[in-house]
Amino acid sequence: MVTKEEAKIIDIPTTVKIYNGKTGQVYNNKSAVKADIDDTKTETTSKDIKQDVTIEVPRLPDLINRTLQRK
């Protein structure tokens, strides 16, 4: 069993895409989402906002090698 002291944090590349499910508009950040929702000129509501998260998981041998190299 691995203890907390033995556990290593591994950087895993992730990509977050925030977009409007109705219009397809992609937002650069959460501030842009809030601005669109608050804009009375648009019909955008918080229910229209979607978020996709992609996590790139390395192959297990690569992951083990990276972990062992950090010891």
Protein backbone atom coordinates (compact mmCIF):
# COMPACT_ATOMS: atom_id res chain seq x y z
CA MET A 1 0.00 0.00 0.00
CA VAL A 2 1.26 3.49 -0.86
CA THR A 3 1.29 6.07 1.91
CA LYS A 4 0.65 9.77 1.36
CA GLU A 5 4.36 10.43 1.75
CA GLU A 6 5.18 7.95 -1.03
CA ALA A 7 2.51 9.13 -3.45
CA LYS A 8 3.82 11.29 -6.28
CA ILE A 9 1.88 14.00 -8.06
CA ILE A 10 2.07 13.60 -11.81
CA ASP A 11 1.24 16.39 -14.22
CA ILE A 12 -1.45 15.18 -16.59
CA PRO A 13 -2.34 17.42 -19.55
CA THR A 14 -5.98 18.52 -19.47
CA THR A 15 -8.06 20.67 -21.80
CA VAL A 16 -11.26 22.43 -20.75
CA LYS A 17 -13.70 23.66 -23.37
CA ILE A 18 -16.53 25.92 -22.17
CA TYR A 19 -19.22 26.59 -24.76
CA ASN A 20 -22.84 27.50 -25.36
CA GLY A 21 -24.78 24.33 -26.19
CA LYS A 22 -27.38 26.24 -28.20
CA THR A 23 -25.17 28.55 -30.26
CA GLY A 24 -21.87 26.69 -30.23
CA GLN A 25 -20.00 29.80 -29.08
CA VAL A 26 -16.75 28.85 -27.32
CA TYR A 27 -15.70 30.97 -24.33
CA ASN A 28 -12.11 31.74 -23.34
CA ASN A 29 -12.87 31.89 -19.62
CA LYS A 30 -15.62 31.93 -17.01
CA SER A 31 -15.75 35.73 -17.07
CA ALA A 32 -16.82 35.61 -20.72
CA VAL A 33 -19.53 33.09 -19.81
CA LYS A 34 -20.86 35.34 -17.04
CA ALA A 35 -20.82 38.36 -19.37
CA ASP A 36 -22.86 36.45 -21.97
CA ILE A 37 -25.39 35.27 -19.37
CA ASP A 38 -25.68 38.78 -17.89
CA ASP A 39 -26.04 40.41 -21.33
CA THR A 40 -29.71 41.29 -21.82
CA LYS A 41 -29.17 41.27 -25.61
CA THR A 42 -28.68 37.48 -25.58
CA GLU A 43 -30.99 34.67 -24.52
CA THR A 44 -28.12 32.74 -22.91
CA THR A 45 -28.86 31.19 -19.53
CA SER A 46 -26.65 29.14 -17.23
CA LYS A 47 -28.47 26.01 -18.47
CA ASP A 48 -27.08 26.67 -21.98
CA ILE A 49 -23.45 26.51 -20.83
CA LYS A 50 -21.61 23.22 -21.35
CA GLN A 51 -18.12 22.19 -20.32
CA ASP A 52 -16.03 19.38 -21.77
CA VAL A 53 -12.90 18.23 -19.96
CA THR A 54 -10.35 16.11 -21.81
CA ILE A 55 -7.73 14.33 -19.73
CA GLU A 56 -4.74 12.86 -21.54
CA VAL A 57 -3.78 9.72 -19.63
CA PRO A 58 -0.40 8.25 -20.51
CA ARG A 59 0.06 4.58 -21.14
CA LEU A 60 0.67 2.70 -17.89
CA PRO A 61 4.37 1.89 -18.61
CA ASP A 62 5.02 5.59 -19.35
CA LEU A 63 3.24 6.59 -16.17
CA ILE A 64 5.24 4.14 -14.06
CA ASN A 65 8.54 5.31 -15.60
CA ARG A 66 7.71 8.97 -14.94
CA THR A 67 6.80 8.14 -11.33
CA LEU A 68 9.98 6.17 -10.72
CA GLN A 69 12.17 8.91 -12.23
CA ARG A 70 10.86 11.46 -9.71
CA LYS A 71 11.98 9.48 -6.65
